[in-house]
């Protein structure tokens, strides 16, 4: 949909083409991304008389030269040929290389029509605002325009401390653009589900709208996913149709009302139809009355907005003003609320045409212990705690004691139940020493000391919280281990775009990786583990660092690892460094390191997770560690890193 003017008599274009519905699952199996989504919207707009009030536009195929501005020629060739007979036998195999993707004989035509229908090259536009309210981070759009000051990109999405799809660090608020585009990339990352109208309105009023007024765009493009709608089975958020209408209304005052909305996600057919209908009426100039059942944002929303403003105020001085105080804020949803999606879309208008369609909401049931365990990495204290999102710190809380099981891939999984709130573990573990073996940036001692004493070293974009015990290591030594070094993921808040180091948990005596070992306490090892996995909080009242209340690894786990060689920590099982490896002994002390789980190695092999060379800054930090540690000269260290980055799994 596109609105051409800000007046009530605005002309609104509407584009729907049944040929786009030809992209469907090959054998008719159920999938949330299905053509019924498009048909449900079209039926609703026709039934309500909206379609007849719009200028119905014709779809057109995108020309290769425009697609090639953001995609490789090989990708374009594959997408245009995937529906041909040439791929009849391999189409499904290719689809399995991607995440939740399917192809059929209608996919190619649907793709070029969808792309072509939002391309119009000759508009004389100089400044573009892209607003992405889909529940998932707009990572592709961010990459396209990350260095471009002519495009202001705003994405509000679930982040959940990096665990919500697509589960990449570049969805953090710390990623604000590079070079000339610095300050023109804005991420508002929610910490949990259940965010609704009040949360999104707050993000609009205190981040998006002030910056938009200063930017003064010529046109606004809305990546209009409706999977943050109340009742969506995947998004877990709570925006009402009137909520979407108000968010859109707030944008109409800019760019002379020139707005283009392109459909993205949304998987509850009733919710998506009613939400698009509400937005269409706004573009047509219809009046509506906004009412929301819950008009207080979450406490976490307010903290995130403040963090975003702090990150961007250098580039947008309008964000330097003080936020309102003494607001009535909601506390974080309970585990039961987060993990049961029983909300229904509240608009009383039934969509009769949708009967029999897939519009139900999934309800996921957990035993009490399972809920607590799964949420332990992001559960907040009842006090007003603020996530230290500006550093490598994130959220967690209670952790462990005691059951062991074996994962499907054969790795040992440590399952810990919530313990009593106690810091006695620190006293116990402060008397136990281990060797912490670093294979990544911590090989350079100044960077490692950031995890102990806080702060940041050269090359780091954000500081570390540090350990409760800031004592320097009692010893340092080097050795090699029979594990493969690899570089994975695509970006981090600390090091920017580029992969970071992991060790393959599987031993291979044909491999040799360097590790710098630091003799530290087991208490300090836990604090490094917390920071690597972003599990440290900051007290929102006075800025004090708040650590989890119990350890992830204590003496009993170390003893267990001496036999089983590794533990995959269940309370943080989805975190990047949730697998603790036992690499042997030195001077009768255990050598421990932390890396990815074995399941991630399989995801790297399949292509689901990206193997990405490190950034120059990150690689330079590893080189400094190897050179200053007298393991390799500069050329040898660079060759070592380049070889690890170039090899496949």
Foldseek 3Di string as FASTA:
>chain_A
DWWDFLDLQTAAEDEDDCLLQVWAAAVPDDALPHSVLVVLQVLLCVVVVLVVRHHYDYFDFADPVVVVLQDPPVVLVCLQPLLPPVNPPPQQVVQVLADRGHGYNSRSVSVRRLVRRPDDPPPPWQAEEEEEAAQAFPVSVCVSCQAPCRYQYEYEHECLLQQAPVSFACLFQLRQGDDNRRLRYGHQYDNAAAFELQLVVCCCVQPVVLVCVVRQGLAYEYADACCLDQQRQRNRYHYALLSLLVSLLSVCVGNSNTYHYRYDHGRQSVRSSSNVSSNSCSSSNHDDDDDDPDNAEALQSVLSSLVSLVSNCVVRVVSVDDDDDPDDHHYDDDLQSRQARQTDRPPPDDSVVCVPPPRHHDGDDDDPQVSCLQCQLADDDPASWHQPSQALAGAGAFDADDDWDADPVGAIATHGGGDPQAQVQLVVQQVAKAKEWDQFLVLQPVQVLCQAQKAHDPQWPGIFPHAPHSDFFPDKDKDKFQWAKFFFGAAHSTRGGWTTIFTQLDGDNVDITMIMITIGTVSSVQSSVNSQQNHWIAHPPPRHIHHYRDGQDDPVNVVVCVPRQKYQYSSSNSTAFRMKGFRQDDPNHTYIYTGHDNVVLVCCQSNHIDGTQGDPSRLVSSLNSCVVSVNDHSVVSSVVSVVSSPDGD
